[in-house]
Amino acid sequence: MPLIQLQTEIASSLEICFDLARSIDLHTISTAHTHEKAIEGKTTGLIGLGEFVTFEATHFGIKQYLTAHITAFERPYYFKDELIKGAFKSLTHIHQFEYVGEKVLMTDLFEFESPLGFLGKLANHLFLTNYMTKLLIERNRIIKEFAESGRYKAVLNPM
């Protein structure tokens, strides 16, 4: 199973970074290029322990649905979401937050298993791991941008 590990330094607080990472609204902003939208479960605001969300998105020209469930949660240090239903055989995304000096270090551990046995493993190697890494890097770029610029207020404290 591929494991994608990313670390992003952010000049902000643990609480802001943690909440941006679990914001359904910011997730939608960061995946606008895939036309991703929350359609079931927690569809706006901050997702929490025991809650689920179903996203509809277009990847590789195919409309897809992914349902994730928050299975572990310790604000503002850690949360984990796991696939309930979707195109992957399995998917686990661990989000960790800690201070390193004056900055927050946001760590993503993203592990997935593709269906279709050997063909799935071949797809992982040829393009899927790279595609998923780019999605996560873009998501983290948006989290960093919102956290450091003050734009987080519009997402975390909507009027």
Protein backbone atom coordinates (compact mmCIF):
# COMPACT_ATOMS: atom_id res chain seq x y z
CA MET A 1 0.00 0.00 0.00
CA PRO A 2 1.39 3.41 -0.88
CA LEU A 3 2.08 5.74 2.04
CA ILE A 4 2.38 9.44 1.31
CA GLN A 5 4.09 11.47 4.06
CA LEU A 6 4.04 15.25 3.87
CA GLN A 7 5.14 17.92 6.32
CA THR A 8 4.14 21.55 6.06
CA GLU A 9 5.41 24.37 8.29
CA ILE A 10 2.81 27.03 9.02
CA ALA A 11 3.24 30.32 10.89
CA SER A 12 0.01 30.12 12.87
CA SER A 13 -1.51 28.41 15.91
CA LEU A 14 -2.21 24.72 16.40
CA GLU A 15 -5.92 25.41 16.80
CA ILE A 16 -6.24 27.34 13.54
CA CYS A 17 -4.28 24.74 11.54
CA PHE A 18 -6.19 21.86 13.10
CA ASP A 19 -9.57 23.46 12.41
CA LEU A 20 -8.66 24.39 8.83
CA ALA A 21 -7.62 20.77 8.19
CA ARG A 22 -11.04 19.52 9.33
CA SER A 23 -13.05 22.27 7.64
CA ILE A 24 -15.41 20.91 5.00
CA ASP A 25 -15.61 24.41 3.48
CA LEU A 26 -11.82 24.74 3.10
CA HIS A 27 -11.61 21.23 1.69
CA THR A 28 -14.07 22.27 -1.01
CA ILE A 29 -11.99 25.37 -1.77
CA SER A 30 -8.77 23.35 -2.01
CA THR A 31 -10.29 20.82 -4.41
CA ALA A 32 -12.20 23.26 -6.65
CA HIS A 33 -10.34 21.97 -9.73
CA THR A 34 -12.01 18.54 -9.24
CA HIS A 35 -15.44 20.14 -8.66
CA GLU A 36 -15.48 18.43 -5.28
CA LYS A 37 -18.47 19.09 -3.04
CA ALA A 38 -19.84 17.61 0.16
CA ILE A 39 -23.21 16.02 -0.55
CA GLU A 40 -24.05 13.91 2.51
CA GLY A 41 -23.27 13.77 6.23
CA LYS A 42 -21.39 16.80 7.51
CA THR A 43 -21.55 19.09 4.47
CA THR A 44 -20.29 22.37 5.94
CA GLY A 45 -18.36 23.60 8.96
CA LEU A 46 -15.96 21.54 11.07
CA ILE A 47 -16.14 17.76 11.05
CA GLY A 48 -15.58 15.98 14.35
CA LEU A 49 -15.22 12.59 15.98
CA GLY A 50 -17.77 10.04 14.79
CA GLU A 51 -19.03 12.20 11.94
CA PHE A 52 -18.83 11.35 8.25
CA VAL A 53 -18.89 13.22 4.96
CA THR A 54 -19.52 12.06 1.41
CA PHE A 55 -17.76 14.02 -1.32
CA GLU A 56 -18.64 14.00 -5.00
CA ALA A 57 -15.73 14.86 -7.32
CA THR A 58 -14.48 14.33 -10.84
CA HIS A 59 -11.14 12.53 -11.14
CA PHE A 60 -9.74 11.31 -14.45
CA GLY A 61 -12.96 12.46 -16.13
CA ILE A 62 -15.10 10.16 -13.95
CA LYS A 63 -17.58 11.34 -11.31
CA GLN A 64 -16.70 9.60 -8.06
CA TYR A 65 -18.00 9.44 -4.50
CA LEU A 66 -15.92 9.03 -1.36
CA THR A 67 -17.30 8.71 2.16
CA ALA A 68 -14.90 9.31 5.05
CA HIS A 69 -15.49 8.80 8.77
CA ILE A 70 -13.56 10.54 11.57
CA THR A 71 -12.37 7.65 13.75
CA ALA A 72 -9.85 9.36 16.06
CA PHE A 73 -9.73 12.92 17.33
CA GLU A 74 -7.63 14.84 19.85
CA ARG A 75 -7.95 18.59 19.29
CA PRO A 76 -5.64 20.31 18.37
CA TYR A 77 -3.03 17.58 17.90
CA TYR A 78 -4.42 14.74 15.86
CA PHE A 79 -7.31 13.33 13.89
CA LYS A 80 -7.81 10.40 11.57
CA ASP A 81 -10.27 9.84 8.78
CA GLU A 82 -10.94 6.49 7.16
CA LEU A 83 -12.72 5.45 4.01
CA ILE A 84 -16.17 3.94 4.45
CA LYS A 85 -17.09 3.84 0.77
CA GLY A 86 -15.37 4.87 -2.44
CA ALA A 87 -13.10 3.93 -5.32
CA PHE A 88 -10.26 2.74 -3.06
CA LYS A 89 -10.09 -0.63 -1.37
CA SER A 90 -8.93 1.25 1.75
CA LEU A 91 -7.77 4.74 2.65
CA THR A 92 -6.56 6.20 5.95
CA HIS A 93 -5.48 9.82 6.44
CA ILE A 94 -3.78 10.76 9.71
CA HIS A 95 -3.40 14.49 10.42
CA GLN A 96 -0.87 15.50 13.11
CA PHE A 97 -0.05 18.97 14.45
CA GLU A 98 2.77 20.09 16.73
CA TYR A 99 4.81 23.17 17.43
CA VAL A 100 8.36 23.22 16.14
CA GLY A 101 9.84 26.44 17.43
CA GLU A 102 7.45 29.26 16.56
CA LYS A 103 5.69 27.37 13.77
CA VAL A 104 3.19 24.57 13.47
CA LEU A 105 4.40 21.41 11.78
CA MET A 106 1.45 19.77 10.04
CA THR A 107 2.13 16.14 9.14
CA ASP A 108 -0.02 14.06 6.81
CA LEU A 109 0.24 10.28 6.70
CA PHE A 110 -1.95 9.17 3.81
CA GLU A 111 -2.13 5.45 3.11
CA PHE A 112 -4.33 3.89 0.45
CA GLU A 113 -4.91 0.62 -1.30
CA SER A 114 -6.26 0.52 -4.81
CA PRO A 115 -8.70 -2.15 -5.96
CA LEU A 116 -8.02 -4.58 -8.81
CA GLY A 117 -4.97 -6.36 -7.40
CA PHE A 118 -2.00 -6.19 -9.76
CA LEU A 119 -3.68 -3.60 -12.01
CA GLY A 120 -4.28 -1.37 -8.99
CA LYS A 121 -0.65 -1.68 -7.91
CA LEU A 122 0.45 -0.81 -11.44
CA ALA A 123 -1.83 2.26 -11.44
CA ASN A 124 -0.34 3.31 -8.08
CA HIS A 125 3.15 3.11 -9.51
CA LEU A 126 2.39 4.73 -12.87
CA PHE A 127 0.27 7.70 -11.81
CA LEU A 128 -2.05 7.38 -8.81
CA THR A 129 0.46 7.98 -5.99
CA ASN A 130 1.76 11.06 -7.80
CA TYR A 131 -1.80 12.31 -8.42
CA MET A 132 -2.78 11.87 -4.75
CA THR A 133 0.44 13.56 -3.59
CA LYS A 134 -0.31 16.60 -5.76
CA LEU A 135 -3.86 16.81 -4.34
CA LEU A 136 -2.49 16.75 -0.79
CA ILE A 137 0.23 19.31 -1.56
CA GLU A 138 -2.39 21.68 -2.99
CA ARG A 139 -4.65 21.16 0.01
CA ASN A 140 -1.77 21.91 2.37
CA ARG A 141 -0.81 25.00 0.35
CA ILE A 142 -4.36 26.32 0.80
CA ILE A 143 -4.36 25.54 4.54
CA LYS A 144 -1.04 27.37 4.92
CA GLU A 145 -2.24 30.34 2.85
CA PHE A 146 -5.47 30.71 4.84
CA ALA A 147 -3.76 30.23 8.22
CA GLU A 148 -0.93 32.70 7.59
CA SER A 149 -2.94 35.40 5.82
CA GLY A 150 -5.86 35.68 8.21
CA ARG A 151 -8.25 34.40 5.54
CA TYR A 152 -9.06 31.56 7.95
CA LYS A 153 -11.53 33.90 9.68
CA ALA A 154 -13.90 33.73 6.71
CA VAL A 155 -13.91 29.91 6.82
CA LEU A 156 -13.78 29.27 10.57
CA ASN A 157 -15.97 32.18 11.69
CA PRO A 158 -18.44 32.77 8.85
CA MET A 159 -20.91 35.60 9.38
